[in-house]
């Protein structure tokens, strides 16, 4: 996936970077990071810009991300095909 952002007040589109190899399926923003999930990887970008911080590679052929959330240093996402909630510690 490739992430870009554009200021609401206008201006140039900024490329945040790429990650994984699948289609971006879910995003979550907290006060510090933008969390992203695709079919191959879970990770985050610093909200104010910076490189992608990988969290986990997903090698499950039947993975399908549903929702994502983050709290207290953990990122949580659902795997809708397996009916599971997954948690990964990524730090503050």
PDB file of N, CA and C in Angstrom:
ATOM      1  N   UNK A   1       0.824  -1.192   0.000  1.00  0.00           N
ATOM      2  CA  UNK A   1       0.000   0.000   0.000  1.00  0.00           C
ATOM      3  C   UNK A   1       0.861   1.246   0.000  1.00  0.00           C
ATOM      4  N   UNK A   2       0.337   2.316  -0.506  1.00  0.00           N
ATOM      5  CA  UNK A   2       1.011   3.606  -0.536  1.00  0.00           C
ATOM      6  C   UNK A   2       0.099   4.625   0.117  1.00  0.00           C
ATOM      7  N   UNK A   3       0.631   5.377   1.061  1.00  0.00           N
ATOM      8  CA  UNK A   3      -0.156   6.397   1.761  1.00  0.00           C
ATOM      9  C   UNK A   3       0.296   7.787   1.355  1.00  0.00           C
ATOM     10  N   UNK A   4      -0.688   8.638   1.153  1.00  0.00           N
ATOM     11  CA  UNK A   4      -0.440  10.049   0.865  1.00  0.00           C
ATOM     12  C   UNK A   4      -1.356  10.876   1.754  1.00  0.00           C
ATOM     13  N   UNK A   5      -0.996  12.148   1.959  1.00  0.00           N
ATOM     14  CA  UNK A   5      -1.867  13.054   2.710  1.00  0.00           C
ATOM     15  C   UNK A   5      -1.856  14.421   2.048  1.00  0.00           C
ATOM     16  N   UNK A   6      -2.927  15.166   2.310  1.00  0.00           N
ATOM     17  CA  UNK A   6      -3.050  16.518   1.781  1.00  0.00           C
ATOM     18  C   UNK A   6      -3.673  17.378   2.871  1.00  0.00           C
ATOM     19  N   UNK A   7      -3.108  18.547   3.148  1.00  0.00           N
ATOM     20  CA  UNK A   7      -3.681  19.430   4.163  1.00  0.00           C
ATOM     21  C   UNK A   7      -5.118  19.830   3.820  1.00  0.00           C
ATOM     22  N   UNK A   8      -5.992  19.853   4.827  1.00  0.00           N
ATOM     23  CA  UNK A   8      -7.377  20.259   4.611  1.00  0.00           C
ATOM     24  C   UNK A   8      -7.465  21.690   4.091  1.00  0.00           C
ATOM     25  N   UNK A   9      -6.520  22.540   4.487  1.00  0.00           N
ATOM     26  CA  UNK A   9      -6.520  23.932   4.054  1.00  0.00           C
ATOM     27  C   UNK A   9      -5.976  24.095   2.639  1.00  0.00           C
ATOM     28  N   UNK A  10      -5.571  22.993   2.007  1.00  0.00           N
ATOM     29  CA  UNK A  10      -5.006  23.059   0.664  1.00  0.00           C
ATOM     30  C   UNK A  10      -3.508  22.872   0.697  1.00  0.00           C
ATOM     31  N   UNK A  11      -2.946  22.754  -0.463  1.00  0.00           N
ATOM     32  CA  UNK A  11      -1.509  22.560  -0.566  1.00  0.00           C
ATOM     33  C   UNK A  11      -1.186  21.277  -1.309  1.00  0.00           C
ATOM     34  N   UNK A  12       0.074  20.980  -1.336  1.00  0.00           N
ATOM     35  CA  UNK A  12       0.564  19.834  -2.103  1.00  0.00           C
ATOM     36  C   UNK A  12       0.276  18.514  -1.400  1.00  0.00           C
ATOM     37  N   UNK A  13       0.109  17.489  -2.195  1.00  0.00           N
ATOM     38  CA  UNK A  13      -0.038  16.124  -1.682  1.00  0.00           C
ATOM     39  C   UNK A  13       1.341  15.639  -1.259  1.00  0.00           C
ATOM     40  N   UNK A  14       1.420  15.050  -0.066  1.00  0.00           N
ATOM     41  CA  UNK A  14       2.678  14.537   0.466  1.00  0.00           C
ATOM     42  C   UNK A  14       2.605  13.019   0.530  1.00  0.00           C
ATOM     43  N   UNK A  15       3.616  12.368   0.002  1.00  0.00           N
ATOM     44  CA  UNK A  15       3.686  10.914   0.070  1.00  0.00           C
ATOM     45  C   UNK A  15       4.306  10.508   1.395  1.00  0.00           C
ATOM     46  N   UNK A  16       3.565   9.716   2.199  1.00  0.00           N
ATOM     47  CA  UNK A  16       4.077   9.259   3.488  1.00  0.00           C
ATOM     48  C   UNK A  16       5.000   8.059   3.322  1.00  0.00           C
ATOM     49  N   UNK A  17       4.708   7.224   2.355  1.00  0.00           N
ATOM     50  CA  UNK A  17       5.546   6.064   2.108  1.00  0.00           C
ATOM     51  C   UNK A  17       4.708   4.849   1.774  1.00  0.00           C
ATOM     52  N   UNK A  18       5.397   3.784   1.493  1.00  0.00           N
ATOM     53  CA  UNK A  18       4.736   2.546   1.152  1.00  0.00           C
ATOM     54  C   UNK A  18       5.019   1.477   2.179  1.00  0.00           C
ATOM     55  N   UNK A  19       4.205   0.450   2.143  1.00  0.00           N
ATOM     56  CA  UNK A  19       4.389  -0.675   3.038  1.00  0.00           C
ATOM     57  C   UNK A  19       3.614  -1.847   2.489  1.00  0.00           C
ATOM     58  N   UNK A  20       3.982  -3.038   2.941  1.00  0.00           N
ATOM     59  CA  UNK A  20       3.250  -4.236   2.565  1.00  0.00           C
ATOM     60  C   UNK A  20       3.214  -4.442   1.073  1.00  0.00           C
ATOM     61  N   UNK A  21       2.375  -5.346   0.662  1.00  0.00           N
ATOM     62  CA  UNK A  21       2.276  -5.628  -0.753  1.00  0.00           C
ATOM     63  C   UNK A  21       0.844  -5.739  -1.214  1.00  0.00           C
ATOM     64  N   UNK A  22      -0.092  -5.557  -0.301  1.00  0.00           N
ATOM     65  CA  UNK A  22      -1.491  -5.699  -0.654  1.00  0.00           C
ATOM     66  C   UNK A  22      -2.180  -4.357  -0.739  1.00  0.00           C
ATOM     67  N   UNK A  23      -3.474  -4.401  -0.860  1.00  0.00           N
ATOM     68  CA  UNK A  23      -4.288  -3.188  -0.891  1.00  0.00           C
ATOM     69  C   UNK A  23      -4.565  -2.729   0.532  1.00  0.00           C
ATOM     70  N   UNK A  24      -4.392  -1.454   0.767  1.00  0.00           N
ATOM     71  CA  UNK A  24      -4.669  -0.882   2.080  1.00  0.00           C
ATOM     72  C   UNK A  24      -6.130  -1.129   2.436  1.00  0.00           C
ATOM     73  N   UNK A  25      -6.371  -1.687   3.611  1.00  0.00           N
ATOM     74  CA  UNK A  25      -7.743  -2.010   3.967  1.00  0.00           C
ATOM     75  C   UNK A  25      -8.273  -1.186   5.135  1.00  0.00           C
ATOM     76  N   UNK A  26      -7.424  -0.776   6.059  1.00  0.00           N
ATOM     77  CA  UNK A  26      -7.915  -0.118   7.263  1.00  0.00           C
ATOM     78  C   UNK A  26      -6.893   0.877   7.799  1.00  0.00           C
ATOM     79  N   UNK A  27      -7.381   2.010   8.322  1.00  0.00           N
ATOM     80  CA  UNK A  27      -6.535   3.033   8.958  1.00  0.00           C
ATOM     81  C   UNK A  27      -7.108   3.394  10.316  1.00  0.00           C
ATOM     82  N   UNK A  28      -6.218   3.804  11.226  1.00  0.00           N
ATOM     83  CA  UNK A  28      -6.610   4.309  12.541  1.00  0.00           C
ATOM     84  C   UNK A  28      -5.619   5.397  12.913  1.00  0.00           C
ATOM     85  N   UNK A  29      -6.096   6.527  13.410  1.00  0.00           N
ATOM     86  CA  UNK A  29      -5.220   7.629  13.804  1.00  0.00           C
ATOM     87  C   UNK A  29      -5.411   7.884  15.293  1.00  0.00           C
ATOM     88  N   UNK A  30      -4.288   7.947  16.027  1.00  0.00           N
ATOM     89  CA  UNK A  30      -4.348   8.399  17.412  1.00  0.00           C
ATOM     90  C   UNK A  30      -3.610   9.732  17.475  1.00  0.00           C
ATOM     91  N   UNK A  31      -3.228  10.171  18.635  1.00  0.00           N
ATOM     92  CA  UNK A  31      -2.565  11.461  18.767  1.00  0.00           C
ATOM     93  C   UNK A  31      -1.165  11.521  18.190  1.00  0.00           C
ATOM     94  N   UNK A  32      -0.541  10.371  17.958  1.00  0.00           N
ATOM     95  CA  UNK A  32       0.861  10.330  17.552  1.00  0.00           C
ATOM     96  C   UNK A  32       1.088   9.599  16.228  1.00  0.00           C
ATOM     97  N   UNK A  33       0.298   8.556  15.950  1.00  0.00           N
ATOM     98  CA  UNK A  33       0.559   7.696  14.801  1.00  0.00           C
ATOM     99  C   UNK A  33      -0.664   7.482  13.916  1.00  0.00           C
ATOM    100  N   UNK A  34      -0.387   7.093  12.678  1.00  0.00           N
ATOM    101  CA  UNK A  34      -1.390   6.610  11.741  1.00  0.00           C
ATOM    102  C   UNK A  34      -1.104   5.126  11.546  1.00  0.00           C
ATOM    103  N   UNK A  35      -2.012   4.280  11.995  1.00  0.00           N
ATOM    104  CA  UNK A  35      -1.848   2.830  11.897  1.00  0.00           C
ATOM    105  C   UNK A  35      -2.474   2.353  10.601  1.00  0.00           C
ATOM    106  N   UNK A  36      -1.817   1.423   9.931  1.00  0.00           N
ATOM    107  CA  UNK A  36      -2.286   0.936   8.644  1.00  0.00           C
ATOM    108  C   UNK A  36      -2.218  -0.586   8.602  1.00  0.00           C
ATOM    109  N   UNK A  37      -3.207  -1.175   7.949  1.00  0.00           N
ATOM    110  CA  UNK A  37      -3.274  -2.623   7.775  1.00  0.00           C
ATOM    111  C   UNK A  37      -3.594  -2.909   6.315  1.00  0.00           C
ATOM    112  N   UNK A  38      -2.841  -3.816   5.711  1.00  0.00           N
ATOM    113  CA  UNK A  38      -3.219  -4.350   4.407  1.00  0.00           C
ATOM    114  C   UNK A  38      -3.215  -5.870   4.506  1.00  0.00           C
ATOM    115  N   UNK A  39      -3.220  -6.564   3.405  1.00  0.00           N
ATOM    116  CA  UNK A  39      -3.297  -8.024   3.459  1.00  0.00           C
ATOM    117  C   UNK A  39      -1.970  -8.700   3.805  1.00  0.00           C
ATOM    118  N   UNK A  40      -0.900  -7.928   3.939  1.00  0.00           N
ATOM    119  CA  UNK A  40       0.403  -8.530   4.222  1.00  0.00           C
ATOM    120  C   UNK A  40       1.118  -7.956   5.435  1.00  0.00           C
ATOM    121  N   UNK A  41       0.680  -6.809   5.939  1.00  0.00           N
ATOM    122  CA  UNK A  41       1.456  -6.157   6.993  1.00  0.00           C
ATOM    123  C   UNK A  41       0.597  -5.240   7.856  1.00  0.00           C
ATOM    124  N   UNK A  42       1.031  -5.093   9.107  1.00  0.00           N
ATOM    125  CA  UNK A  42       0.441  -4.151  10.059  1.00  0.00           C
ATOM    126  C   UNK A  42       1.571  -3.254  10.537  1.00  0.00           C
ATOM    127  N   UNK A  43       1.338  -1.959  10.608  1.00  0.00           N
ATOM    128  CA  UNK A  43       2.375  -1.063  11.089  1.00  0.00           C
ATOM    129  C   UNK A  43       1.837   0.343  11.247  1.00  0.00           C
ATOM    130  N   UNK A  44       2.754   1.310  11.386  1.00  0.00           N
ATOM    131  CA  UNK A  44       2.329   2.688  11.621  1.00  0.00           C
ATOM    132  C   UNK A  44       3.326   3.679  11.040  1.00  0.00           C
ATOM    133  N   UNK A  45       2.814   4.878  10.807  1.00  0.00           N
ATOM    134  CA  UNK A  45       3.608   6.034  10.413  1.00  0.00           C
ATOM    135  C   UNK A  45       3.472   7.078  11.514  1.00  0.00           C
ATOM    136  N   UNK A  46       4.539   7.833  11.824  1.00  0.00           N
ATOM    137  CA  UNK A  46       4.365   8.978  12.715  1.00  0.00           C
ATOM    138  C   UNK A  46       3.398   9.975  12.072  1.00  0.00           C
ATOM    139  N   UNK A  47       2.462  10.473  12.832  1.00  0.00           N
ATOM    140  CA  UNK A  47       1.434  11.370  12.315  1.00  0.00           C
ATOM    141  C   UNK A  47       2.030  12.644  11.718  1.00  0.00           C
ATOM    142  N   UNK A  48       3.133  13.129  12.264  1.00  0.00           N
ATOM    143  CA  UNK A  48       3.765  14.346  11.774  1.00  0.00           C
ATOM    144  C   UNK A  48       4.778  14.097  10.664  1.00  0.00           C
ATOM    145  N   UNK A  49       4.839  12.865  10.159  1.00  0.00           N
ATOM    146  CA  UNK A  49       5.765  12.514   9.087  1.00  0.00           C
ATOM    147  C   UNK A  49       6.910  11.672   9.601  1.00  0.00           C
ATOM    148  N   UNK A  50       7.450  10.865   8.741  1.00  0.00           N
ATOM    149  CA  UNK A  50       8.554   9.992   9.097  1.00  0.00           C
ATOM    150  C   UNK A  50       8.367   8.623   8.472  1.00  0.00           C
ATOM    151  N   UNK A  51       9.344   7.759   8.647  1.00  0.00           N
ATOM    152  CA  UNK A  51       9.299   6.458   7.983  1.00  0.00           C
ATOM    153  C   UNK A  51       8.277   5.502   8.599  1.00  0.00           C
ATOM    154  N   UNK A  52       7.846   4.546   7.806  1.00  0.00           N
ATOM    155  CA  UNK A  52       6.946   3.490   8.240  1.00  0.00           C
ATOM    156  C   UNK A  52       7.624   2.639   9.294  1.00  0.00           C
ATOM    157  N   UNK A  53       6.910   2.316  10.364  1.00  0.00           N
ATOM    158  CA  UNK A  53       7.411   1.442  11.429  1.00  0.00           C
ATOM    159  C   UNK A  53       6.658   0.120  11.327  1.00  0.00           C
ATOM    160  N   UNK A  54       7.293  -0.918  10.776  1.00  0.00           N
ATOM    161  CA  UNK A  54       6.592  -2.195  10.637  1.00  0.00           C
ATOM    162  C   UNK A  54       6.303  -2.821  11.988  1.00  0.00           C
ATOM    163  N   UNK A  55       5.155  -3.465  12.077  1.00  0.00           N
ATOM    164  CA  UNK A  55       4.781  -4.142  13.308  1.00  0.00           C
ATOM    165  C   UNK A  55       4.809  -5.642  13.142  1.00  0.00           C
ATOM    166  N   UNK A  56       4.124  -6.142  12.109  1.00  0.00           N
ATOM    167  CA  UNK A  56       4.057  -7.580  11.887  1.00  0.00           C
ATOM    168  C   UNK A  56       3.766  -7.852  10.426  1.00  0.00           C
ATOM    169  N   UNK A  57       4.404  -8.881   9.905  1.00  0.00           N
ATOM    170  CA  UNK A  57       4.063  -9.385   8.583  1.00  0.00           C
ATOM    171  C   UNK A  57       3.011 -10.463   8.763  1.00  0.00           C
ATOM    172  N   UNK A  58       2.062 -10.484   7.869  1.00  0.00           N
ATOM    173  CA  UNK A  58       0.971 -11.441   7.943  1.00  0.00           C
ATOM    174  C   UNK A  58       1.147 -12.443   6.810  1.00  0.00           C
ATOM    175  N   UNK A  59       1.371 -13.700   7.159  1.00  0.00           N
ATOM    176  CA  UNK A  59       1.607 -14.713   6.135  1.00  0.00           C
ATOM    177  C   UNK A  59       0.432 -15.666   5.998  1.00  0.00           C
ATOM    178  N   UNK A  60      -0.716 -15.272   6.523  1.00  0.00           N
ATOM    179  CA  UNK A  60      -1.906 -16.109   6.474  1.00  0.00           C
ATOM    180  C   UNK A  60      -2.629 -15.862   5.152  1.00  0.00           C
ATOM    181  N   UNK A  61      -2.761 -16.855   4.316  1.00  0.00           N
ATOM    182  CA  UNK A  61      -3.388 -16.690   3.010  1.00  0.00           C
ATOM    183  C   UNK A  61      -4.872 -16.349   3.095  1.00  0.00           C
ATOM    184  N   UNK A  62      -5.498 -16.573   4.241  1.00  0.00           N
ATOM    185  CA  UNK A  62      -6.929 -16.308   4.365  1.00  0.00           C
ATOM    186  C   UNK A  62      -7.207 -15.090   5.233  1.00  0.00           C
ATOM    187  N   UNK A  63      -6.211 -14.247   5.433  1.00  0.00           N
ATOM    188  CA  UNK A  63      -6.364 -13.039   6.251  1.00  0.00           C
ATOM    189  C   UNK A  63      -7.196 -11.996   5.523  1.00  0.00           C
ATOM    190  N   UNK A  64      -8.111 -11.382   6.237  1.00  0.00           N
ATOM    191  CA  UNK A  64      -8.846 -10.231   5.724  1.00  0.00           C
ATOM    192  C   UNK A  64      -9.090  -9.274   6.876  1.00  0.00           C
ATOM    193  N   UNK A  65      -8.416  -8.131   6.843  1.00  0.00           N
ATOM    194  CA  UNK A  65      -8.535  -7.161   7.927  1.00  0.00           C
ATOM    195  C   UNK A  65      -9.898  -6.500   7.905  1.00  0.00           C
ATOM    196  N   UNK A  66     -10.464  -6.342   9.093  1.00  0.00           N
ATOM    197  CA  UNK A  66     -11.725  -5.625   9.226  1.00  0.00           C
ATOM    198  C   UNK A  66     -11.460  -4.259   9.805  1.00  0.00           C
ATOM    199  N   UNK A  67     -11.435  -4.148  11.114  1.00  0.00           N
ATOM    200  CA  UNK A  67     -11.222  -2.881  11.804  1.00  0.00           C
ATOM    201  C   UNK A  67      -9.850  -2.865  12.454  1.00  0.00           C
ATOM    202  N   UNK A  68      -9.364  -1.667  12.746  1.00  0.00           N
ATOM    203  CA  UNK A  68      -8.097  -1.509  13.458  1.00  0.00           C
ATOM    204  C   UNK A  68      -8.276  -0.406  14.492  1.00  0.00           C
ATOM    205  N   UNK A  69      -7.596  -0.561  15.621  1.00  0.00           N
ATOM    206  CA  UNK A  69      -7.604   0.452  16.679  1.00  0.00           C
ATOM    207  C   UNK A  69      -6.279   0.366  17.416  1.00  0.00           C
ATOM    208  N   UNK A  70      -5.948   1.418  18.164  1.00  0.00           N
ATOM    209  CA  UNK A  70      -4.708   1.430  18.929  1.00  0.00           C
ATOM    210  C   UNK A  70      -4.963   2.076  20.283  1.00  0.00           C
ATOM    211  N   UNK A  71      -4.320   1.515  21.318  1.00  0.00           N
ATOM    212  CA  UNK A  71      -4.431   2.069  22.665  1.00  0.00           C
ATOM    213  C   UNK A  71      -3.305   1.526  23.531  1.00  0.00           C
ATOM    214  N   UNK A  72      -2.722   2.369  24.363  1.00  0.00           N
ATOM    215  CA  UNK A  72      -1.709   1.973  25.347  1.00  0.00           C
ATOM    216  C   UNK A  72      -0.547   1.198  24.736  1.00  0.00           C
ATOM    217  N   UNK A  73      -0.110   1.594  23.551  1.00  0.00           N
ATOM    218  CA  UNK A  73       1.035   0.962  22.909  1.00  0.00           C
ATOM    219  C   UNK A  73       0.705  -0.278  22.092  1.00  0.00           C
ATOM    220  N   UNK A  74      -0.548  -0.699  22.100  1.00  0.00           N
ATOM    221  CA  UNK A  74      -0.969  -1.871  21.337  1.00  0.00           C
ATOM    222  C   UNK A  74      -1.758  -1.454  20.105  1.00  0.00           C
ATOM    223  N   UNK A  75      -1.619  -2.218  19.036  1.00  0.00           N
ATOM    224  CA  UNK A  75      -2.496  -2.080  17.878  1.00  0.00           C
ATOM    225  C   UNK A  75      -3.338  -3.354  17.818  1.00  0.00           C
ATOM    226  N   UNK A  76      -4.631  -3.182  17.591  1.00  0.00           N
ATOM    227  CA  UNK A  76      -5.587  -4.284  17.531  1.00  0.00           C
ATOM    228  C   UNK A  76      -6.215  -4.284  16.143  1.00  0.00           C
ATOM    229  N   UNK A  77      -6.436  -5.457  15.582  1.00  0.00           N
ATOM    230  CA  UNK A  77      -7.184  -5.532  14.339  1.00  0.00           C
ATOM    231  C   UNK A  77      -7.995  -6.814  14.310  1.00  0.00           C
ATOM    232  N   UNK A  78      -9.027  -6.792  13.490  1.00  0.00           N
ATOM    233  CA  UNK A  78      -9.868  -7.976  13.361  1.00  0.00           C
ATOM    234  C   UNK A  78      -9.527  -8.704  12.080  1.00  0.00           C
ATOM    235  N   UNK A  79      -9.586 -10.008  12.148  1.00  0.00           N
ATOM    236  CA  UNK A  79      -9.468 -10.856  10.968  1.00  0.00           C
ATOM    237  C   UNK A  79     -10.873 -11.393  10.721  1.00  0.00           C
ATOM    238  N   UNK A  80     -11.555 -10.817   9.743  1.00  0.00           N
ATOM    239  CA  UNK A  80     -12.964 -11.141   9.548  1.00  0.00           C
ATOM    240  C   UNK A  80     -13.186 -12.545   9.009  1.00  0.00           C
ATOM    241  N   UNK A  81     -12.222 -13.108   8.316  1.00  0.00           N
ATOM    242  CA  UNK A  81     -12.390 -14.469   7.807  1.00  0.00           C
ATOM    243  C   UNK A  81     -12.238 -15.512   8.903  1.00  0.00           C
ATOM    244  N   UNK A  82     -11.323 -15.251   9.839  1.00  0.00           N
ATOM    245  CA  UNK A  82     -11.098 -16.206  10.925  1.00  0.00           C
ATOM    246  C   UNK A  82     -11.956 -15.898  12.155  1.00  0.00           C
ATOM    247  N   UNK A  83     -12.591 -14.726  12.173  1.00  0.00           N
ATOM    248  CA  UNK A  83     -13.399 -14.348  13.330  1.00  0.00           C
ATOM    249  C   UNK A  83     -12.555 -14.110  14.564  1.00  0.00           C
ATOM    250  N   UNK A  84     -11.402 -13.457  14.388  1.00  0.00           N
ATOM    251  CA  UNK A  84     -10.464 -13.268  15.492  1.00  0.00           C
ATOM    252  C   UNK A  84     -10.093 -11.800  15.647  1.00  0.00           C
ATOM    253  N   UNK A  85      -9.745 -11.419  16.877  1.00  0.00           N
ATOM    254  CA  UNK A  85      -9.153 -10.113  17.171  1.00  0.00           C
ATOM    255  C   UNK A  85      -7.702 -10.358  17.518  1.00  0.00           C
ATOM    256  N   UNK A  86      -6.806  -9.622  16.885  1.00  0.00           N
ATOM    257  CA  UNK A  86      -5.367  -9.804  17.073  1.00  0.00           C
ATOM    258  C   UNK A  86      -4.808  -8.553  17.738  1.00  0.00           C
ATOM    259  N   UNK A  87      -3.846  -8.741  18.644  1.00  0.00           N
ATOM    260  CA  UNK A  87      -3.228  -7.630  19.373  1.00  0.00           C
ATOM    261  C   UNK A  87      -1.723  -7.720  19.211  1.00  0.00           C
ATOM    262  N   UNK A  88      -1.078  -6.573  18.997  1.00  0.00           N
ATOM    263  CA  UNK A  88       0.368  -6.509  18.837  1.00  0.00           C
ATOM    264  C   UNK A  88       0.899  -5.295  19.591  1.00  0.00           C
ATOM    265  N   UNK A  89       1.911  -5.493  20.448  1.00  0.00           N
ATOM    266  CA  UNK A  89       2.530  -4.364  21.152  1.00  0.00           C
ATOM    267  C   UNK A  89       3.519  -3.687  20.234  1.00  0.00           C
ATOM    268  N   UNK A  90       3.346  -2.367  20.033  1.00  0.00           N
ATOM    269  CA  UNK A  90       4.265  -1.587  19.197  1.00  0.00           C
ATOM    270  C   UNK A  90       4.969  -0.494  19.982  1.00  0.00           C
ATOM    271  N   UNK A  91       4.640  -0.353  21.253  1.00  0.00           N
ATOM    272  CA  UNK A  91       5.268   0.670  22.067  1.00  0.00           C
ATOM    273  C   UNK A  91       4.542   1.999  21.948  1.00  0.00           C
ATOM    274  N   UNK A  92       4.975   2.950  22.754  1.00  0.00           N
ATOM    275  CA  UNK A  92       4.289   4.267  22.755  1.00  0.00           C
ATOM    276  C   UNK A  92       4.510   5.055  21.474  1.00  0.00           C
TER     277      UNK A  92
END
